[in-house]
Protein backbone atom coordinates (compact mmCIF):
# COMPACT_ATOMS: atom_id res chain seq x y z
CA UNK A 1 139.74 216.47 391.90
CA UNK A 2 140.90 213.95 389.29
CA UNK A 3 138.98 213.59 386.07
CA UNK A 4 137.55 210.02 386.17
CA UNK A 5 137.24 209.91 382.39
CA UNK A 6 140.92 210.74 382.05
CA UNK A 7 141.83 207.97 384.49
CA UNK A 8 139.67 205.47 382.62
CA UNK A 9 141.36 206.57 379.42
CA UNK A 10 144.71 205.53 380.85
CA UNK A 11 143.32 202.13 381.75
CA UNK A 12 141.90 201.74 378.26
CA UNK A 13 145.36 202.36 376.82
CA UNK A 14 146.79 199.49 378.87
CA UNK A 15 144.12 197.04 377.79
CA UNK A 16 144.06 198.29 374.19
CA UNK A 17 147.79 197.61 373.92
CA UNK A 18 147.32 194.10 375.23
CA UNK A 19 144.42 193.36 372.91
CA UNK A 20 146.42 194.65 369.94
CA UNK A 21 149.35 192.40 370.83
CA UNK A 22 147.14 189.36 371.19
CA UNK A 23 145.26 190.10 367.98
CA UNK A 24 148.48 190.51 366.00
CA UNK A 25 149.81 187.18 367.21
CA UNK A 26 146.53 185.45 366.47
CA UNK A 27 146.61 186.69 362.87
CA UNK A 28 150.12 185.29 362.48
CA UNK A 29 149.12 181.78 363.63
CA UNK A 30 148.76 179.42 360.62
CA UNK A 31 145.80 177.03 360.47
CA UNK A 32 147.63 173.77 360.99
CA UNK A 33 147.04 170.78 363.23
CA UNK A 34 148.41 170.75 366.75
CA UNK A 35 151.12 168.27 367.73
CA UNK A 36 151.08 166.58 371.11
CA UNK A 37 151.67 168.74 374.14
CA UNK A 38 153.92 166.03 375.53
CA UNK A 39 156.86 164.21 373.92
CA UNK A 40 156.48 160.44 373.52
CA UNK A 41 159.55 158.23 373.04
CA UNK A 42 160.33 154.52 373.14
CA UNK A 43 163.33 152.87 374.80
CA UNK A 44 164.60 149.46 375.85
CA UNK A 45 166.93 148.27 378.60
CA UNK A 46 168.29 145.53 376.31
CA UNK A 47 169.79 145.90 372.86
CA UNK A 48 169.01 142.27 371.95
CA UNK A 49 165.73 140.34 371.88
CA UNK A 50 164.79 136.78 370.92
CA UNK A 51 162.78 136.08 367.76
CA UNK A 52 159.42 134.48 368.55
CA UNK A 53 159.61 135.35 372.26
CA UNK A 54 158.06 138.19 374.21
CA UNK A 55 160.24 141.32 374.49
CA UNK A 56 159.82 144.39 376.67
CA UNK A 57 160.08 148.11 375.81
CA UNK A 58 159.25 151.32 377.65
CA UNK A 59 156.95 154.06 376.36
CA UNK A 60 158.21 157.30 377.91
CA UNK A 61 156.18 160.52 378.12
CA UNK A 62 157.98 163.81 378.77
CA UNK A 63 156.12 166.96 379.78
CA UNK A 64 158.45 169.93 379.01
CA UNK A 65 155.80 172.46 380.01
CA UNK A 66 155.40 174.47 383.20
CA UNK A 67 152.02 172.92 384.06
CA UNK A 68 150.71 169.42 384.56
CA UNK A 69 149.71 167.63 381.36
CA UNK A 70 147.43 164.71 380.56
CA UNK A 71 148.37 161.75 378.38
CA UNK A 72 146.22 158.72 377.56
CA UNK A 73 148.15 155.44 377.52
CA UNK A 74 146.49 153.10 375.01
CA UNK A 75 146.22 149.39 375.75
CA UNK A 76 147.85 148.62 372.38
CA UNK A 77 150.08 150.56 369.96
CA UNK A 78 150.41 149.57 366.30
CA UNK A 79 154.05 149.53 365.12
CA UNK A 80 156.20 148.07 362.39
CA UNK A 81 159.60 146.37 362.31
CA UNK A 82 161.97 147.18 359.47
CA UNK A 83 164.94 145.03 358.57
CA UNK A 84 166.65 146.12 355.38
CA UNK A 85 163.94 146.26 352.70
CA UNK A 86 161.57 144.01 354.66
CA UNK A 87 158.84 145.44 356.92
CA UNK A 88 156.47 143.53 359.19
CA UNK A 89 153.66 144.71 361.44
CA UNK A 90 153.65 144.21 365.20
CA UNK A 91 151.62 145.39 368.17
CA UNK A 92 152.85 146.71 371.51
CA UNK A 93 150.62 145.61 374.39
CA UNK A 94 150.57 147.24 377.81
CA UNK A 95 152.19 144.82 380.28
CA UNK A 96 149.52 145.64 382.84
CA UNK A 97 146.26 146.31 380.94
CA UNK A 98 144.72 147.95 384.02
CA UNK A 99 147.19 150.85 383.62
CA UNK A 100 145.60 151.94 380.33
CA UNK A 101 143.93 155.33 380.33
CA UNK A 102 144.67 158.90 381.30
CA UNK A 103 147.82 159.71 383.28
CA UNK A 104 148.90 163.03 384.80
CA UNK A 105 152.46 164.06 383.92
CA UNK A 106 153.94 166.67 386.31
CA UNK A 107 155.52 169.83 384.96
CA UNK A 108 159.01 169.16 383.58
CA UNK A 109 158.53 165.50 384.54
CA UNK A 110 158.47 162.02 383.03
CA UNK A 111 156.20 159.03 383.17
CA UNK A 112 156.72 155.63 381.58
CA UNK A 113 154.89 152.35 381.20
CA UNK A 114 156.08 148.94 380.08
CA UNK A 115 154.81 147.42 376.83
CA UNK A 116 155.55 144.00 375.38
CA UNK A 117 155.62 142.57 371.85
CA UNK A 118 156.78 139.40 370.11
CA UNK A 119 159.24 139.75 367.21
CA UNK A 120 158.20 137.41 364.37
CA UNK A 121 160.28 134.26 364.13
CA UNK A 122 161.13 135.20 360.52
CA UNK A 123 162.87 138.42 361.58
CA UNK A 124 166.56 138.45 362.45
CA UNK A 125 169.49 140.83 362.61
CA UNK A 126 169.25 144.56 363.26
CA UNK A 127 165.69 145.87 363.07
CA UNK A 128 164.08 149.25 363.61
CA UNK A 129 160.90 149.46 365.69
CA UNK A 130 158.74 152.48 364.84
CA UNK A 131 155.22 153.79 365.26
CA UNK A 132 153.35 156.99 364.43
CA UNK A 133 152.94 157.84 368.12
CA UNK A 134 156.75 158.15 368.40
CA UNK A 135 157.11 160.56 365.50
CA UNK A 136 160.41 160.17 363.66
CA UNK A 137 162.07 158.13 366.42
CA UNK A 138 163.22 154.58 365.65
CA UNK A 139 164.33 152.04 368.26
CA UNK A 140 167.17 149.80 367.05
CA UNK A 141 167.12 146.20 368.32
CA UNK A 142 169.16 143.11 367.55
CA UNK A 143 166.86 140.14 366.92
CA UNK A 144 168.51 136.74 367.13
CA UNK A 145 168.12 133.16 368.28
CA UNK A 146 167.86 132.37 371.97
CA UNK A 147 171.32 130.81 372.21
CA UNK A 148 173.00 133.79 370.55
CA UNK A 149 171.19 136.32 372.67
CA UNK A 150 171.99 134.46 375.89
CA UNK A 151 175.69 135.09 375.25
CA UNK A 152 175.12 138.81 374.84
CA UNK A 153 175.18 141.04 377.91
CA UNK A 154 172.26 143.47 378.04
CA UNK A 155 173.34 146.94 377.02
CA UNK A 156 172.87 149.93 379.30
CA UNK A 157 170.30 152.43 378.11
CA UNK A 158 171.80 155.24 376.07
CA UNK A 159 170.16 157.76 378.36
CA UNK A 160 168.76 157.47 381.86
CA UNK A 161 164.98 157.74 381.94
CA UNK A 162 163.37 159.31 384.98
CA UNK A 163 160.35 157.31 386.01
CA UNK A 164 157.50 158.90 387.92
CA UNK A 165 157.52 156.63 390.96
CA UNK A 166 154.64 156.08 393.38
CA UNK A 167 154.74 158.46 396.31
CA UNK A 168 156.57 157.11 399.33
CA UNK A 169 159.44 155.56 397.35
CA UNK A 170 161.84 158.33 398.42
CA UNK A 171 163.61 155.90 400.78
CA UNK A 172 164.67 153.91 397.71
CA UNK A 173 165.20 156.83 395.34
CA UNK A 174 165.38 160.24 397.13
CA UNK A 175 166.67 161.95 393.99
CA UNK A 176 163.60 161.03 391.96
CA UNK A 177 161.28 161.80 394.88
CA UNK A 178 162.73 165.31 395.19
CA UNK A 179 162.31 165.95 391.47
CA UNK A 180 158.70 164.80 391.64
CA UNK A 181 157.81 167.38 394.28
CA UNK A 182 159.66 170.48 393.03
CA UNK A 183 157.90 172.50 390.32
CA UNK A 184 158.48 175.77 388.46
CA UNK A 185 156.44 178.60 389.93
CA UNK A 186 156.79 181.94 388.14
CA UNK A 187 158.95 181.99 384.97
CA UNK A 188 162.71 181.34 385.31
CA UNK A 189 164.84 183.50 383.03
CA UNK A 190 168.04 185.50 382.43
CA UNK A 191 167.82 188.52 380.11
CA UNK A 192 170.03 191.48 379.15
CA UNK A 193 169.28 194.95 377.78
CA UNK A 194 171.14 198.18 376.96
CA UNK A 195 169.84 200.53 379.67
CA UNK A 196 171.04 200.43 383.27
CA UNK A 197 170.36 198.27 385.18
CA UNK A 198 170.74 196.18 382.04
CA UNK A 199 170.55 192.62 383.38
CA UNK A 200 167.53 190.95 384.96
CA UNK A 201 167.05 187.40 386.13
CA UNK A 202 164.36 185.50 387.99
CA UNK A 203 164.40 182.20 389.88
CA UNK A 204 161.09 180.76 391.09
CA UNK A 205 160.21 177.31 392.46
CA UNK A 206 157.56 175.70 394.60
CA UNK A 207 157.70 172.51 396.68
CA UNK A 208 154.75 170.27 397.52
CA UNK A 209 154.57 170.13 401.31
CA UNK A 210 152.28 167.18 402.07
CA UNK A 211 152.16 163.73 400.50
CA UNK A 212 148.86 162.36 399.20
CA UNK A 213 149.53 159.03 400.94
CA UNK A 214 148.69 160.06 404.50
CA UNK A 215 145.38 159.39 406.28
CA UNK A 216 144.75 163.13 406.72
CA UNK A 217 145.03 163.93 403.00
CA UNK A 218 142.76 161.00 402.17
CA UNK A 219 140.07 162.81 404.16
CA UNK A 220 141.09 166.34 403.13
CA UNK A 221 142.52 166.00 399.57
CA UNK A 222 143.11 169.76 399.29
CA UNK A 223 146.06 169.46 401.69
CA UNK A 224 148.18 167.80 398.99
CA UNK A 225 147.92 171.00 396.95
CA UNK A 226 149.77 173.09 399.57
CA UNK A 227 153.18 174.39 398.53
CA UNK A 228 156.05 176.45 399.82
CA UNK A 229 157.15 178.86 397.10
CA UNK A 230 160.18 181.07 396.73
CA UNK A 231 160.91 183.59 393.98
CA UNK A 232 163.76 186.03 393.46
CA UNK A 233 163.91 188.74 390.82
CA UNK A 234 167.16 190.70 390.57
CA UNK A 235 168.36 193.71 388.58
CA UNK A 236 172.08 193.46 387.93
CA UNK A 237 173.96 196.51 386.60
CA UNK A 238 176.72 195.11 384.40
CA UNK A 239 177.36 198.56 382.92
CA UNK A 240 178.99 199.91 386.11
CA UNK A 241 182.44 199.10 387.51
CA UNK A 242 182.40 195.91 389.64
CA UNK A 243 178.94 195.09 388.16
CA UNK A 244 176.88 195.63 391.34
CA UNK A 245 173.38 194.32 391.98
CA UNK A 246 170.99 197.26 391.76
CA UNK A 247 168.04 195.71 393.59
CA UNK A 248 166.34 192.37 394.28
CA UNK A 249 162.90 191.16 395.25
CA UNK A 250 162.71 188.11 397.56
CA UNK A 251 159.25 186.52 397.77
CA UNK A 252 158.74 183.51 400.06
CA UNK A 253 155.15 182.32 400.34
CA UNK A 254 152.79 179.58 401.41
CA UNK A 255 150.23 178.86 398.72
CA UNK A 256 147.46 176.59 397.52
CA UNK A 257 147.74 175.69 393.83
CA UNK A 258 145.63 173.53 391.56
CA UNK A 259 145.97 173.72 387.79
CA UNK A 260 142.42 172.47 387.18
CA UNK A 261 139.71 172.21 389.82
CA UNK A 262 136.96 169.64 389.43
CA UNK A 263 134.40 171.15 391.78
CA UNK A 264 131.86 171.41 388.98
CA UNK A 265 131.49 170.15 385.43
CA UNK A 266 133.06 172.19 382.63
CA UNK A 267 133.43 171.48 378.90
CA UNK A 268 136.73 170.11 377.62
CA UNK A 269 137.71 173.44 376.10
CA UNK A 270 137.34 175.35 379.37
CA UNK A 271 139.13 174.63 382.64
CA UNK A 272 139.46 176.60 385.86
CA UNK A 273 142.60 176.69 387.99
CA UNK A 274 143.16 178.27 391.37
CA UNK A 275 146.04 179.75 393.32
CA UNK A 276 145.89 181.59 396.63
CA UNK A 277 148.46 182.34 399.29
CA UNK A 278 150.22 184.58 401.77
CA UNK A 279 153.39 186.23 400.47
CA UNK A 280 156.18 188.31 401.97
CA UNK A 281 158.19 190.55 399.67
CA UNK A 282 161.30 192.56 400.51
CA UNK A 283 164.57 193.66 398.95
CA UNK A 284 166.69 192.63 401.92
CA UNK A 285 168.14 196.09 402.47
CA UNK A 286 168.12 198.48 405.44
CA UNK A 287 167.83 202.19 406.04
CA UNK A 288 166.20 204.42 403.45
CA UNK A 289 166.56 201.76 400.74
CA UNK A 290 164.55 199.16 402.66
CA UNK A 291 161.33 198.01 400.98
CA UNK A 292 158.98 195.31 402.29
CA UNK A 293 155.33 194.29 402.37
CA UNK A 294 153.08 191.34 403.16
CA UNK A 295 150.06 190.40 401.07
CA UNK A 296 147.32 187.79 400.95
CA UNK A 297 146.08 187.10 397.42
CA UNK A 298 143.50 185.17 395.42
CA UNK A 299 144.23 184.21 391.79
CA UNK A 300 141.93 182.06 389.63
CA UNK A 301 143.03 180.94 386.17
CA UNK A 302 140.69 180.45 383.22
CA UNK A 303 142.05 178.12 380.50
CA UNK A 304 140.41 178.28 377.06
CA UNK A 305 141.21 175.63 374.46
CA UNK A 306 142.24 171.98 374.35
CA UNK A 307 145.45 170.22 373.36
CA UNK A 308 143.95 169.77 369.88
CA UNK A 309 143.46 173.51 369.28
CA UNK A 310 146.03 175.61 367.39
CA UNK A 311 145.64 178.46 369.91
CA UNK A 312 145.06 178.39 373.67
CA UNK A 313 144.34 181.31 376.00
CA UNK A 314 144.79 181.59 379.77
CA UNK A 315 143.56 184.56 381.81
CA UNK A 316 144.73 184.87 385.43
CA UNK A 317 143.36 187.88 387.30
CA UNK A 318 144.72 188.40 390.81
CA UNK A 319 143.45 190.47 393.74
CA UNK A 320 145.30 191.08 397.01
CA UNK A 321 145.26 192.88 400.35
CA UNK A 322 148.21 194.38 402.20
CA UNK A 323 148.89 193.06 405.68
CA UNK A 324 150.76 194.67 408.54
CA UNK A 325 153.33 197.47 408.44
CA UNK A 326 153.99 199.39 405.22
CA UNK A 327 156.27 202.04 406.72
CA UNK A 328 159.08 201.20 404.26
CA UNK A 329 156.79 202.18 401.38
CA UNK A 330 153.57 203.70 402.79
CA UNK A 331 152.23 204.78 399.38
CA UNK A 332 152.88 201.44 397.64
CA UNK A 333 149.16 200.91 396.89
CA UNK A 334 149.16 204.13 394.90
CA UNK A 335 151.54 202.48 392.41
CA UNK A 336 150.85 198.74 392.75
CA UNK A 337 147.16 198.93 393.48
CA UNK A 338 145.18 195.84 394.43
CA UNK A 339 144.69 193.90 391.18
CA UNK A 340 146.62 192.69 388.16
CA UNK A 341 146.05 190.42 385.15
CA UNK A 342 148.26 187.88 383.41
CA UNK A 343 147.15 186.83 379.93
CA UNK A 344 148.89 184.03 378.03
CA UNK A 345 148.42 182.99 374.41
CA UNK A 346 149.95 179.64 373.41
CA UNK A 347 150.44 178.77 369.73
CA UNK A 348 151.34 175.05 369.54
CA UNK A 349 150.84 175.10 365.78
CA UNK A 350 153.31 178.00 365.43
CA UNK A 351 156.33 176.12 366.82
CA UNK A 352 154.99 176.47 370.41
CA UNK A 353 155.45 180.24 370.49
CA UNK A 354 153.93 181.89 373.56
CA UNK A 355 152.93 185.53 374.10
CA UNK A 356 152.32 186.53 377.73
CA UNK A 357 151.41 189.88 379.22
CA UNK A 358 151.30 190.95 382.86
CA UNK A 359 149.37 194.17 383.52
CA UNK A 360 149.02 196.04 386.80
CA UNK A 361 147.25 199.30 387.66
CA UNK A 362 147.73 201.64 390.60
CA UNK A 363 145.10 202.56 393.17
CA UNK A 364 143.79 205.44 391.00
CA UNK A 365 144.17 203.51 387.72
CA UNK A 366 147.01 205.82 386.67
CA UNK A 367 150.34 204.38 387.86
CA UNK A 368 150.53 200.85 386.57
CA UNK A 369 152.86 198.74 384.48
CA UNK A 370 152.81 196.29 381.61
CA UNK A 371 155.31 193.50 380.95
CA UNK A 372 155.18 191.49 377.71
CA UNK A 373 157.12 188.24 377.21
CA UNK A 374 157.57 186.52 373.85
CA UNK A 375 159.12 183.03 374.11
CA UNK A 376 160.16 180.46 371.54
CA UNK A 377 161.43 176.95 372.45
CA UNK A 378 164.93 176.45 371.05
CA UNK A 379 164.29 172.70 371.07
CA UNK A 380 162.80 173.21 367.62
CA UNK A 381 166.11 174.41 366.20
CA UNK A 382 167.92 171.71 364.18
CA UNK A 383 171.13 170.32 365.54
CA UNK A 384 171.68 171.06 369.24
CA UNK A 385 168.06 170.83 370.49
CA UNK A 386 168.49 173.36 373.31
CA UNK A 387 166.28 172.72 376.36
CA UNK A 388 165.62 176.45 376.87
CA UNK A 389 163.36 179.14 375.45
CA UNK A 390 164.43 182.32 373.70
CA UNK A 391 162.86 185.24 375.58
CA UNK A 392 162.20 188.81 374.49
CA UNK A 393 160.76 191.01 377.26
CA UNK A 394 159.36 194.55 377.23
CA UNK A 395 158.59 196.42 380.47
CA UNK A 396 157.01 199.85 380.84
CA UNK A 397 155.72 201.37 384.05
CA UNK A 398 156.27 201.45 387.78
CA UNK A 399 157.57 198.83 390.19
CA UNK A 400 160.03 196.71 388.20
CA UNK A 401 161.79 196.20 391.53
CA UNK A 402 160.96 197.14 395.17
CA UNK A 403 163.37 200.10 395.07
CA UNK A 404 161.68 201.34 391.88
CA UNK A 405 158.10 200.91 393.13
CA UNK A 406 157.41 204.63 392.55
CA UNK A 407 159.75 205.16 389.56
CA UNK A 408 158.71 204.73 385.94
CA UNK A 409 161.08 202.86 383.62
CA UNK A 410 161.00 201.41 380.11
CA UNK A 411 163.18 198.43 379.21
CA UNK A 412 163.79 196.00 376.35
CA UNK A 413 165.74 192.88 377.27
CA UNK A 414 166.56 189.60 375.52
CA UNK A 415 167.89 186.27 376.74
CA UNK A 416 166.69 182.82 377.63
CA UNK A 417 164.10 181.21 379.88
CA UNK A 418 164.11 177.79 381.55
CA UNK A 419 160.35 177.81 382.15
CA UNK A 420 157.59 180.18 381.16
């Protein structure tokens, strides 16, 4: 008979390691103010405007994160125009005042709204339009008389801006519609280590299945939160001749996902999310190397902290049941168990560093695993402004891949992540 105190001691080691990691990172976080979670820019479809006449600009909001974000569009934005040594104040006004207020920006998506302003009649030549909400960005415009501007062809925007269009516009813009309905699911990354199999990569996306425009979803709003998800995690052995794939995990699923539920009132610093689904997992192989299982799972998410806090914490415990035949791996529950926990610490004030840990315990609390990811957005580096994250990952335990579900491994790998 197993000693229950010994088994609990193993569990304590897992959680003690996680707590130590989180505590260390918390100590390293400096007490500074948080920047915006989204990136706000200003653009114009015309390089020239007329002095004394209303001109139009776009206020663009980019959400580079893996979850939906909120941004409040003000009805007016105070700005200033600079021409040489002369500076004058101006105000951007929302073209449609009814659009002021909170807007939801999808993960890795854009939103934009049109603002108008009137350049003073005393201003002419090249001017720079700036405002504190846009950070260090300056919009260059040519202000001239009406006759001079009329002879100037409007310039194309320097960079195409993706607008979040109303649902149902896919007939006019299928490319934008597709982008609006595809979201990151689990992290996407490519990392390399020194031990075989030394390379690991993961691709994971989900697609919203049902539009919110239909009469059915107007009566049952939860239907618009149904997704089809697909994830693939592969171990690639570059160290061997011909660089074969060692093993892969393919995970199609149907799931319900909501980043923040509003079923009951919660304070601003605490939000509850929910994810639940039915998932198939297999390695696509036959014979003695075949591994497969079906599960149904329930996974709430508890978000602590607001966008104005220097540190935010998310805890996502998950519980599942095995469905159907497990003949490929009949003792899988002994190693994977029935529960796991993902804990994420975000440090916006520390250059948006994130520390995430995924812990799993076996059926008898003795054959689990822990995976720790440290990510840093390379967008903060001067010069190139990479749109990826640096990723350092540590894994120790059982089940890094289906073929290794009952084998213990320890790995350090480094690389990059597209979402986290």
